[in-house]
Amino acid sequence: MTDVFGKKQARVRIKNLLLRAYIGIKEEEINNQQDVVINVELTYDASDAIHQNEIEAALNYRTITKQIIAHVDGNRFALLERLTHEVLSIVIEHEAVQWAQVEIDKPHALRYAESVSVCLEAHR
């Protein structure tokens, strides 16, 4: 097999993580949990993971997902922007992550619209 030289930039996507949270400023939003759909995209240097073929050498996206779930599920947020920022902070805290983008949808937040979303990104 031909080897590809240089850094192996991996792009990891966590797609459509469906959680429930209290999000919003209206009384009905404060008192009732709503669905939020979280999508995370990140990059990291996967060279060690590729060469070693060992889980210890890879970015543990399961850990990141569990941290997001623990932070979001059942908790309270006034603004979608703040929630998106907090999730992005969880992702970028992982030293191996070089770039991350988080988009969070709030389904049925607006009449006639499937959802409203906020997307933020950060890099090292």
C-alpha atoms as a PDB file:
ATOM      1  CA  MET A   1       0.000   0.000   0.000  1.00  0.00           C
ATOM      2  CA  THR A   2       1.315   3.429  -0.909  1.00  0.00           C
ATOM      3  CA  ASP A   3       1.955   5.675   2.076  1.00  0.00           C
ATOM      4  CA  VAL A   4       0.761   9.265   2.057  1.00  0.00           C
ATOM      5  CA  PHE A   5       3.413  11.560   3.486  1.00  0.00           C
ATOM      6  CA  GLY A   6       2.953  14.517   5.774  1.00  0.00           C
ATOM      7  CA  LYS A   7       0.360  15.231   8.403  1.00  0.00           C
ATOM      8  CA  LYS A   8      -2.882  13.346   8.156  1.00  0.00           C
ATOM      9  CA  GLN A   9      -5.541  15.924   8.916  1.00  0.00           C
ATOM     10  CA  ALA A  10      -8.691  14.137  10.038  1.00  0.00           C
ATOM     11  CA  ARG A  11     -12.120  15.736   9.858  1.00  0.00           C
ATOM     12  CA  VAL A  12     -14.538  14.297  12.417  1.00  0.00           C
ATOM     13  CA  ARG A  13     -18.269  14.984  12.281  1.00  0.00           C
ATOM     14  CA  ILE A  14     -20.739  14.322  15.072  1.00  0.00           C
ATOM     15  CA  LYS A  15     -24.055  14.515  13.236  1.00  0.00           C
ATOM     16  CA  ASN A  16     -27.546  15.230  14.518  1.00  0.00           C
ATOM     17  CA  LEU A  17     -27.013  14.731  18.240  1.00  0.00           C
ATOM     18  CA  LEU A  18     -30.590  15.121  19.476  1.00  0.00           C
ATOM     19  CA  LEU A  19     -30.909  16.407  23.045  1.00  0.00           C
ATOM     20  CA  ARG A  20     -33.533  18.184  25.114  1.00  0.00           C
ATOM     21  CA  ALA A  21     -32.976  21.407  27.022  1.00  0.00           C
ATOM     22  CA  TYR A  22     -34.806  24.384  28.426  1.00  0.00           C
ATOM     23  CA  ILE A  23     -33.905  27.058  25.891  1.00  0.00           C
ATOM     24  CA  GLY A  24     -35.469  30.428  25.299  1.00  0.00           C
ATOM     25  CA  ILE A  25     -36.847  33.490  26.995  1.00  0.00           C
ATOM     26  CA  LYS A  26     -40.617  33.012  26.710  1.00  0.00           C
ATOM     27  CA  GLU A  27     -42.433  31.475  29.670  1.00  0.00           C
ATOM     28  CA  GLU A  28     -43.388  28.358  27.693  1.00  0.00           C
ATOM     29  CA  GLU A  29     -39.721  27.885  26.696  1.00  0.00           C
ATOM     30  CA  ILE A  30     -38.513  28.343  30.260  1.00  0.00           C
ATOM     31  CA  ASN A  31     -41.008  25.799  31.594  1.00  0.00           C
ATOM     32  CA  ASN A  32     -40.837  23.143  28.855  1.00  0.00           C
ATOM     33  CA  GLN A  33     -37.862  21.272  27.465  1.00  0.00           C
ATOM     34  CA  GLN A  34     -37.339  21.497  23.721  1.00  0.00           C
ATOM     35  CA  ASP A  35     -35.368  19.486  21.220  1.00  0.00           C
ATOM     36  CA  VAL A  36     -32.011  20.793  20.069  1.00  0.00           C
ATOM     37  CA  VAL A  37     -30.011  19.200  17.277  1.00  0.00           C
ATOM     38  CA  ILE A  38     -26.244  19.541  17.601  1.00  0.00           C
ATOM     39  CA  ASN A  39     -23.753  19.101  14.789  1.00  0.00           C
ATOM     40  CA  VAL A  40     -20.035  19.264  15.469  1.00  0.00           C
ATOM     41  CA  GLU A  41     -17.243  19.248  12.937  1.00  0.00           C
ATOM     42  CA  LEU A  42     -13.598  19.284  13.999  1.00  0.00           C
ATOM     43  CA  THR A  43     -10.125  18.620  12.671  1.00  0.00           C
ATOM     44  CA  TYR A  44      -7.086  17.077  14.291  1.00  0.00           C
ATOM     45  CA  ASP A  45      -3.769  15.546  13.254  1.00  0.00           C
ATOM     46  CA  ALA A  46      -4.517  11.825  13.009  1.00  0.00           C
ATOM     47  CA  SER A  47      -0.986  10.791  12.007  1.00  0.00           C
ATOM     48  CA  ASP A  48      -0.358   8.850  15.230  1.00  0.00           C
ATOM     49  CA  ALA A  49      -3.748   7.154  15.086  1.00  0.00           C
ATOM     50  CA  ILE A  50      -3.167   6.087  11.493  1.00  0.00           C
ATOM     51  CA  HIS A  51       0.357   4.768  12.097  1.00  0.00           C
ATOM     52  CA  GLN A  52      -0.248   3.116  15.483  1.00  0.00           C
ATOM     53  CA  ASN A  53      -3.770   1.843  14.807  1.00  0.00           C
ATOM     54  CA  GLU A  54      -4.485   2.156  18.551  1.00  0.00           C
ATOM     55  CA  ILE A  55      -7.379   3.948  20.224  1.00  0.00           C
ATOM     56  CA  GLU A  56      -5.014   5.720  22.633  1.00  0.00           C
ATOM     57  CA  ALA A  57      -3.436   7.542  19.682  1.00  0.00           C
ATOM     58  CA  ALA A  58      -6.746   8.885  18.352  1.00  0.00           C
ATOM     59  CA  LEU A  59      -8.953  11.750  19.434  1.00  0.00           C
ATOM     60  CA  ASN A  60     -11.702  10.273  21.576  1.00  0.00           C
ATOM     61  CA  TYR A  61     -14.847  11.762  20.040  1.00  0.00           C
ATOM     62  CA  ARG A  62     -16.967   9.581  22.321  1.00  0.00           C
ATOM     63  CA  THR A  63     -15.612  11.510  25.312  1.00  0.00           C
ATOM     64  CA  ILE A  64     -16.403  14.816  23.599  1.00  0.00           C
ATOM     65  CA  THR A  65     -19.947  13.632  22.856  1.00  0.00           C
ATOM     66  CA  LYS A  66     -20.500  12.547  26.462  1.00  0.00           C
ATOM     67  CA  GLN A  67     -19.297  15.943  27.703  1.00  0.00           C
ATOM     68  CA  ILE A  68     -21.712  17.723  25.378  1.00  0.00           C
ATOM     69  CA  ILE A  69     -24.608  15.516  26.516  1.00  0.00           C
ATOM     70  CA  ALA A  70     -23.793  16.099  30.203  1.00  0.00           C
ATOM     71  CA  HIS A  71     -23.656  19.858  29.661  1.00  0.00           C
ATOM     72  CA  VAL A  72     -26.753  20.289  27.496  1.00  0.00           C
ATOM     73  CA  ASP A  73     -29.304  17.585  28.301  1.00  0.00           C
ATOM     74  CA  GLY A  74     -31.942  18.946  30.685  1.00  0.00           C
ATOM     75  CA  ASN A  75     -30.103  22.208  31.403  1.00  0.00           C
ATOM     76  CA  ARG A  76     -31.274  25.801  30.937  1.00  0.00           C
ATOM     77  CA  PHE A  77     -30.087  28.346  28.380  1.00  0.00           C
ATOM     78  CA  ALA A  78     -31.632  31.700  27.486  1.00  0.00           C
ATOM     79  CA  LEU A  79     -30.037  32.080  24.068  1.00  0.00           C
ATOM     80  CA  LEU A  80     -29.110  29.673  21.301  1.00  0.00           C
ATOM     81  CA  GLU A  81     -25.938  31.726  20.769  1.00  0.00           C
ATOM     82  CA  ARG A  82     -24.817  31.075  24.345  1.00  0.00           C
ATOM     83  CA  LEU A  83     -25.540  27.354  24.129  1.00  0.00           C
ATOM     84  CA  THR A  84     -23.588  27.122  20.863  1.00  0.00           C
ATOM     85  CA  HIS A  85     -20.639  28.975  22.417  1.00  0.00           C
ATOM     86  CA  GLU A  86     -20.591  26.660  25.442  1.00  0.00           C
ATOM     87  CA  VAL A  87     -20.627  23.522  23.287  1.00  0.00           C
ATOM     88  CA  LEU A  88     -17.867  24.944  21.085  1.00  0.00           C
ATOM     89  CA  SER A  89     -15.815  25.604  24.233  1.00  0.00           C
ATOM     90  CA  ILE A  90     -16.189  21.967  25.292  1.00  0.00           C
ATOM     91  CA  VAL A  91     -14.920  20.783  21.904  1.00  0.00           C
ATOM     92  CA  ILE A  92     -11.988  23.185  21.558  1.00  0.00           C
ATOM     93  CA  GLU A  93     -10.817  22.424  25.140  1.00  0.00           C
ATOM     94  CA  HIS A  94      -9.413  19.167  23.779  1.00  0.00           C
ATOM     95  CA  GLU A  95      -5.796  19.940  22.992  1.00  0.00           C
ATOM     96  CA  ALA A  96      -5.665  17.822  19.831  1.00  0.00           C
ATOM     97  CA  VAL A  97      -8.538  19.748  18.217  1.00  0.00           C
ATOM     98  CA  GLN A  98      -7.139  22.287  15.761  1.00  0.00           C
ATOM     99  CA  TRP A  99     -10.403  23.687  14.392  1.00  0.00           C
ATOM    100  CA  ALA A 100     -14.031  23.167  15.348  1.00  0.00           C
ATOM    101  CA  GLN A 101     -17.437  24.268  14.173  1.00  0.00           C
ATOM    102  CA  VAL A 102     -20.646  23.785  16.115  1.00  0.00           C
ATOM    103  CA  GLU A 103     -24.121  24.311  14.695  1.00  0.00           C
ATOM    104  CA  ILE A 104     -27.158  23.946  16.922  1.00  0.00           C
ATOM    105  CA  ASP A 105     -30.683  23.839  15.544  1.00  0.00           C
ATOM    106  CA  LYS A 106     -33.789  24.657  17.507  1.00  0.00           C
ATOM    107  CA  PRO A 107     -36.551  22.893  15.554  1.00  0.00           C
ATOM    108  CA  HIS A 108     -39.853  24.743  15.082  1.00  0.00           C
ATOM    109  CA  ALA A 109     -38.583  27.909  16.762  1.00  0.00           C
ATOM    110  CA  LEU A 110     -40.241  30.016  14.096  1.00  0.00           C
ATOM    111  CA  ARG A 111     -43.598  29.622  12.485  1.00  0.00           C
ATOM    112  CA  TYR A 112     -43.286  28.260   8.941  1.00  0.00           C
ATOM    113  CA  ALA A 113     -39.616  27.340   9.442  1.00  0.00           C
ATOM    114  CA  GLU A 114     -38.254  23.851  10.046  1.00  0.00           C
ATOM    115  CA  SER A 115     -35.667  25.219  12.469  1.00  0.00           C
ATOM    116  CA  VAL A 116     -33.426  28.096  13.465  1.00  0.00           C
ATOM    117  CA  SER A 117     -29.733  27.475  13.955  1.00  0.00           C
ATOM    118  CA  VAL A 118     -26.623  29.241  15.174  1.00  0.00           C
ATOM    119  CA  CYS A 119     -23.194  28.231  13.956  1.00  0.00           C
ATOM    120  CA  LEU A 120     -19.883  29.218  15.586  1.00  0.00           C
ATOM    121  CA  GLU A 121     -16.318  28.135  14.908  1.00  0.00           C
ATOM    122  CA  ALA A 122     -12.917  28.410  16.567  1.00  0.00           C
ATOM    123  CA  HIS A 123      -9.342  27.411  15.781  1.00  0.00           C
ATOM    124  CA  ARG A 124      -5.934  27.255  17.414  1.00  0.00           C
END
